[in-house]
Amino acid sequence: MRRLFWLLLPASALAADMASKAWVLGFLKEGESHRVIDGFFNLRLSFNNAAIFGSLSWIPEHLRFALFNVAGLVALIYFGRIFLARETRPIDRVALGLILGGALGNGLDRLFRGYVVDFLDFVFGSWHYWTFNLADSFILVGFILYLLGLLRGHGAAEAQASAKP
């Protein structure tokens, strides 16, 4: 029962991502931008049919579609198994829940639309960051939490090993 409770995390991340994409698709047209915080944050609707930051766009579309769907399915199975494992630590479960929810959001976009809906657009001075979405944010935050958990777990294991005579 407790593991089922944890499924609310990726489900909530997925729901937030899908709702935000549905909202922005009703609010903006592709390429259209809406200034939120002048000189810092815009909503700009774009469609990414490649990988992260537009990479792998040189691969033919049908191969990209197959590659992304197979890689996504393998990642969902791998991380989902760890997520649901009884021995998974809570910080790792939170991290993996965010990653799974974000991956599902972008994966469903690719599967049903053929592209990922991006709309969060930040500018820092003269530097313009890539446009992204909530799913990307969940994946990044989950990745950082997972790394912190690994580093913290590794440090604790080293401390225990050095304390043994």
C-alpha atoms as a PDB file:
ATOM      1  CA  MET A   1       0.000   0.000   0.000  1.00  0.00           C
ATOM      2  CA  ARG A   2       2.806   2.390   0.869  1.00  0.00           C
ATOM      3  CA  ARG A   3       4.467   1.907  -2.522  1.00  0.00           C
ATOM      4  CA  LEU A   4       1.149   2.704  -4.194  1.00  0.00           C
ATOM      5  CA  PHE A   5       1.057   5.961  -2.226  1.00  0.00           C
ATOM      6  CA  TRP A   6       4.435   6.871  -3.769  1.00  0.00           C
ATOM      7  CA  LEU A   7       2.887   6.580  -7.241  1.00  0.00           C
ATOM      8  CA  LEU A   8       1.089   9.849  -6.503  1.00  0.00           C
ATOM      9  CA  LEU A   9       4.404  11.685  -7.032  1.00  0.00           C
ATOM     10  CA  PRO A  10       5.055  10.726 -10.677  1.00  0.00           C
ATOM     11  CA  ALA A  11       1.314  10.903 -11.371  1.00  0.00           C
ATOM     12  CA  SER A  12       1.194  14.456  -9.965  1.00  0.00           C
ATOM     13  CA  ALA A  13       4.269  15.516 -11.943  1.00  0.00           C
ATOM     14  CA  LEU A  14       2.722  14.050 -15.088  1.00  0.00           C
ATOM     15  CA  ALA A  15      -0.609  15.770 -14.426  1.00  0.00           C
ATOM     16  CA  ALA A  16       1.051  19.164 -13.787  1.00  0.00           C
ATOM     17  CA  ASP A  17       3.104  18.824 -16.979  1.00  0.00           C
ATOM     18  CA  MET A  18       0.132  17.798 -19.124  1.00  0.00           C
ATOM     19  CA  ALA A  19      -2.105  20.530 -17.672  1.00  0.00           C
ATOM     20  CA  SER A  20       0.543  23.226 -18.252  1.00  0.00           C
ATOM     21  CA  LYS A  21       1.046  22.089 -21.854  1.00  0.00           C
ATOM     22  CA  ALA A  22      -2.705  22.007 -22.511  1.00  0.00           C
ATOM     23  CA  TRP A  23      -3.018  25.503 -21.056  1.00  0.00           C
ATOM     24  CA  VAL A  24      -0.173  26.992 -23.101  1.00  0.00           C
ATOM     25  CA  LEU A  25      -1.425  25.314 -26.299  1.00  0.00           C
ATOM     26  CA  GLY A  26      -4.741  27.112 -25.763  1.00  0.00           C
ATOM     27  CA  PHE A  27      -3.010  30.394 -24.937  1.00  0.00           C
ATOM     28  CA  LEU A  28      -0.254  30.722 -27.574  1.00  0.00           C
ATOM     29  CA  LYS A  29       0.391  29.735 -31.157  1.00  0.00           C
ATOM     30  CA  GLU A  30       3.691  28.162 -32.236  1.00  0.00           C
ATOM     31  CA  GLY A  31       6.474  30.755 -32.167  1.00  0.00           C
ATOM     32  CA  GLU A  32       4.298  33.252 -30.285  1.00  0.00           C
ATOM     33  CA  SER A  33       5.710  34.791 -27.124  1.00  0.00           C
ATOM     34  CA  HIS A  34       4.124  36.437 -24.097  1.00  0.00           C
ATOM     35  CA  ARG A  35       6.283  38.553 -21.784  1.00  0.00           C
ATOM     36  CA  VAL A  36       5.798  37.655 -18.110  1.00  0.00           C
ATOM     37  CA  ILE A  37       8.769  39.398 -16.457  1.00  0.00           C
ATOM     38  CA  ASP A  38      10.347  41.948 -18.788  1.00  0.00           C
ATOM     39  CA  GLY A  39      13.926  41.038 -19.684  1.00  0.00           C
ATOM     40  CA  PHE A  40      13.851  37.787 -17.695  1.00  0.00           C
ATOM     41  CA  PHE A  41      10.940  35.385 -18.314  1.00  0.00           C
ATOM     42  CA  ASN A  42       8.605  34.768 -21.257  1.00  0.00           C
ATOM     43  CA  LEU A  43       6.134  32.158 -22.314  1.00  0.00           C
ATOM     44  CA  ARG A  44       7.197  31.149 -25.833  1.00  0.00           C
ATOM     45  CA  LEU A  45       5.525  28.194 -27.515  1.00  0.00           C
ATOM     46  CA  SER A  46       7.851  25.944 -29.469  1.00  0.00           C
ATOM     47  CA  PHE A  47       7.774  22.340 -30.576  1.00  0.00           C
ATOM     48  CA  ASN A  48      10.878  20.176 -30.165  1.00  0.00           C
ATOM     49  CA  ASN A  49      10.942  17.047 -32.300  1.00  0.00           C
ATOM     50  CA  ALA A  50      14.584  16.323 -31.446  1.00  0.00           C
ATOM     51  CA  ALA A  51      16.270  15.416 -28.163  1.00  0.00           C
ATOM     52  CA  ILE A  52      17.438  17.652 -25.326  1.00  0.00           C
ATOM     53  CA  PHE A  53      18.222  21.207 -26.514  1.00  0.00           C
ATOM     54  CA  GLY A  54      17.287  20.175 -30.064  1.00  0.00           C
ATOM     55  CA  SER A  55      20.093  17.623 -30.398  1.00  0.00           C
ATOM     56  CA  LEU A  56      19.824  14.603 -32.720  1.00  0.00           C
ATOM     57  CA  SER A  57      17.697  16.602 -35.156  1.00  0.00           C
ATOM     58  CA  TRP A  58      19.877  15.227 -37.996  1.00  0.00           C
ATOM     59  CA  ILE A  59      18.466  11.700 -37.496  1.00  0.00           C
ATOM     60  CA  PRO A  60      15.539  10.938 -39.842  1.00  0.00           C
ATOM     61  CA  GLU A  61      12.186  11.477 -38.137  1.00  0.00           C
ATOM     62  CA  HIS A  62      11.003   7.857 -38.246  1.00  0.00           C
ATOM     63  CA  LEU A  63      14.275   6.640 -36.679  1.00  0.00           C
ATOM     64  CA  ARG A  64      14.144   9.383 -34.036  1.00  0.00           C
ATOM     65  CA  PHE A  65      10.582   8.369 -33.195  1.00  0.00           C
ATOM     66  CA  ALA A  66      11.595   4.718 -32.776  1.00  0.00           C
ATOM     67  CA  LEU A  67      14.778   5.565 -30.856  1.00  0.00           C
ATOM     68  CA  PHE A  68      13.049   7.926 -28.427  1.00  0.00           C
ATOM     69  CA  ASN A  69      10.165   5.538 -27.784  1.00  0.00           C
ATOM     70  CA  VAL A  70      12.381   2.494 -27.231  1.00  0.00           C
ATOM     71  CA  ALA A  71      14.827   4.459 -25.041  1.00  0.00           C
ATOM     72  CA  GLY A  72      11.920   5.955 -23.101  1.00  0.00           C
ATOM     73  CA  LEU A  73      10.319   2.578 -22.505  1.00  0.00           C
ATOM     74  CA  VAL A  74      13.617   1.038 -21.359  1.00  0.00           C
ATOM     75  CA  ALA A  75      14.248   3.999 -19.012  1.00  0.00           C
ATOM     76  CA  LEU A  76      10.710   3.808 -17.574  1.00  0.00           C
ATOM     77  CA  ILE A  77      11.088   0.094 -16.870  1.00  0.00           C
ATOM     78  CA  TYR A  78      14.567   0.492 -15.367  1.00  0.00           C
ATOM     79  CA  PHE A  79      13.834   3.519 -13.188  1.00  0.00           C
ATOM     80  CA  GLY A  80      10.311   2.311 -12.401  1.00  0.00           C
ATOM     81  CA  ARG A  81      11.698  -0.937 -11.002  1.00  0.00           C
ATOM     82  CA  ILE A  82      14.091   0.977  -8.739  1.00  0.00           C
ATOM     83  CA  PHE A  83      11.332   3.432  -7.796  1.00  0.00           C
ATOM     84  CA  LEU A  84       9.035   0.622  -6.633  1.00  0.00           C
ATOM     85  CA  ALA A  85      11.729  -1.502  -4.956  1.00  0.00           C
ATOM     86  CA  ARG A  86      11.095  -1.972  -1.237  1.00  0.00           C
ATOM     87  CA  GLU A  87      14.651  -0.984  -0.257  1.00  0.00           C
ATOM     88  CA  THR A  88      14.688   2.307  -2.187  1.00  0.00           C
ATOM     89  CA  ARG A  89      15.441   5.237   0.133  1.00  0.00           C
ATOM     90  CA  PRO A  90      12.831   8.020   0.329  1.00  0.00           C
ATOM     91  CA  ILE A  91      15.139  10.674  -1.226  1.00  0.00           C
ATOM     92  CA  ASP A  92      15.818   8.332  -4.152  1.00  0.00           C
ATOM     93  CA  ARG A  93      12.106   7.595  -4.485  1.00  0.00           C
ATOM     94  CA  VAL A  94      11.308  11.334  -4.621  1.00  0.00           C
ATOM     95  CA  ALA A  95      14.051  11.872  -7.213  1.00  0.00           C
ATOM     96  CA  LEU A  96      12.935   8.918  -9.332  1.00  0.00           C
ATOM     97  CA  GLY A  97       9.280   9.928  -9.007  1.00  0.00           C
ATOM     98  CA  LEU A  98      10.086  13.341 -10.470  1.00  0.00           C
ATOM     99  CA  ILE A  99      12.192  11.790 -13.239  1.00  0.00           C
ATOM    100  CA  LEU A 100       9.465   9.261 -14.094  1.00  0.00           C
ATOM    101  CA  GLY A 101       6.700  11.883 -14.128  1.00  0.00           C
ATOM    102  CA  GLY A 102       8.747  14.178 -16.351  1.00  0.00           C
ATOM    103  CA  ALA A 103       9.830  11.372 -18.662  1.00  0.00           C
ATOM    104  CA  LEU A 104       6.216  10.240 -19.027  1.00  0.00           C
ATOM    105  CA  GLY A 105       5.118  13.789 -19.838  1.00  0.00           C
ATOM    106  CA  ASN A 106       7.665  14.266 -22.599  1.00  0.00           C
ATOM    107  CA  GLY A 107       7.277  10.673 -23.773  1.00  0.00           C
ATOM    108  CA  LEU A 108       3.522  11.019 -24.168  1.00  0.00           C
ATOM    109  CA  ASP A 109       4.074  14.269 -26.076  1.00  0.00           C
ATOM    110  CA  ARG A 110       6.392  12.482 -28.505  1.00  0.00           C
ATOM    111  CA  LEU A 111       4.090   9.489 -28.823  1.00  0.00           C
ATOM    112  CA  PHE A 112       0.845  11.393 -29.461  1.00  0.00           C
ATOM    113  CA  ARG A 113       2.048  14.686 -30.962  1.00  0.00           C
ATOM    114  CA  GLY A 114       5.375  13.715 -32.550  1.00  0.00           C
ATOM    115  CA  TYR A 115       7.144  16.512 -30.652  1.00  0.00           C
ATOM    116  CA  VAL A 116       7.557  17.924 -27.151  1.00  0.00           C
ATOM    117  CA  VAL A 117       5.741  21.132 -26.225  1.00  0.00           C
ATOM    118  CA  ASP A 118       8.169  23.685 -24.729  1.00  0.00           C
ATOM    119  CA  PHE A 119       7.173  27.094 -23.410  1.00  0.00           C
ATOM    120  CA  LEU A 120       9.270  28.286 -20.451  1.00  0.00           C
ATOM    121  CA  ASP A 121      11.720  30.849 -21.826  1.00  0.00           C
ATOM    122  CA  PHE A 122      14.335  32.596 -19.665  1.00  0.00           C
ATOM    123  CA  VAL A 123      16.773  35.369 -20.531  1.00  0.00           C
ATOM    124  CA  PHE A 124      19.746  36.256 -18.317  1.00  0.00           C
ATOM    125  CA  GLY A 125      21.242  39.530 -19.559  1.00  0.00           C
ATOM    126  CA  SER A 126      22.462  38.815 -23.084  1.00  0.00           C
ATOM    127  CA  TRP A 127      22.219  35.044 -22.608  1.00  0.00           C
ATOM    128  CA  HIS A 128      19.057  33.303 -23.765  1.00  0.00           C
ATOM    129  CA  TYR A 129      18.416  29.906 -22.143  1.00  0.00           C
ATOM    130  CA  TRP A 130      16.797  27.074 -24.100  1.00  0.00           C
ATOM    131  CA  THR A 131      13.024  26.906 -24.033  1.00  0.00           C
ATOM    132  CA  PHE A 132      11.797  24.016 -21.857  1.00  0.00           C
ATOM    133  CA  ASN A 133       8.739  22.723 -19.978  1.00  0.00           C
ATOM    134  CA  LEU A 134       7.696  21.442 -16.539  1.00  0.00           C
ATOM    135  CA  ALA A 135       8.625  17.846 -17.442  1.00  0.00           C
ATOM    136  CA  ASP A 136      12.193  18.973 -18.183  1.00  0.00           C
ATOM    137  CA  SER A 137      12.260  20.765 -14.821  1.00  0.00           C
ATOM    138  CA  PHE A 138      11.043  17.662 -12.981  1.00  0.00           C
ATOM    139  CA  ILE A 139      13.676  15.530 -14.712  1.00  0.00           C
ATOM    140  CA  LEU A 140      16.472  17.969 -13.860  1.00  0.00           C
ATOM    141  CA  VAL A 141      15.433  18.407 -10.211  1.00  0.00           C
ATOM    142  CA  GLY A 142      15.023  14.624  -9.890  1.00  0.00           C
ATOM    143  CA  PHE A 143      18.477  14.043 -11.394  1.00  0.00           C
ATOM    144  CA  ILE A 144      20.080  16.525  -8.974  1.00  0.00           C
ATOM    145  CA  LEU A 145      18.283  14.943  -5.991  1.00  0.00           C
ATOM    146  CA  TYR A 146      19.317  11.476  -7.137  1.00  0.00           C
ATOM    147  CA  LEU A 147      22.958  12.560  -7.427  1.00  0.00           C
ATOM    148  CA  LEU A 148      22.822  14.152  -3.985  1.00  0.00           C
ATOM    149  CA  GLY A 149      21.350  10.946  -2.596  1.00  0.00           C
ATOM    150  CA  LEU A 150      24.107   8.897  -4.234  1.00  0.00           C
ATOM    151  CA  LEU A 151      26.803  11.205  -2.905  1.00  0.00           C
ATOM    152  CA  ARG A 152      25.259  11.216   0.547  1.00  0.00           C
ATOM    153  CA  GLY A 153      24.853   7.439   0.534  1.00  0.00           C
ATOM    154  CA  HIS A 154      28.394   6.930  -0.743  1.00  0.00           C
ATOM    155  CA  GLY A 155      29.818   9.223   1.924  1.00  0.00           C
ATOM    156  CA  ALA A 156      27.941   7.349   4.656  1.00  0.00           C
ATOM    157  CA  ALA A 157      29.193   3.988   3.365  1.00  0.00           C
ATOM    158  CA  GLU A 158      32.781   5.288   3.386  1.00  0.00           C
ATOM    159  CA  ALA A 159      32.353   6.589   6.954  1.00  0.00           C
ATOM    160  CA  GLN A 160      31.041   3.190   8.102  1.00  0.00           C
ATOM    161  CA  ALA A 161      33.881   1.350   6.348  1.00  0.00           C
ATOM    162  CA  SER A 162      36.548   3.579   7.899  1.00  0.00           C
ATOM    163  CA  ALA A 163      35.007   3.191  11.379  1.00  0.00           C
ATOM    164  CA  LYS A 164      35.423  -0.622  11.289  1.00  0.00           C
ATOM    165  CA  PRO A 165      38.635  -1.927  12.915  1.00  0.00           C
END
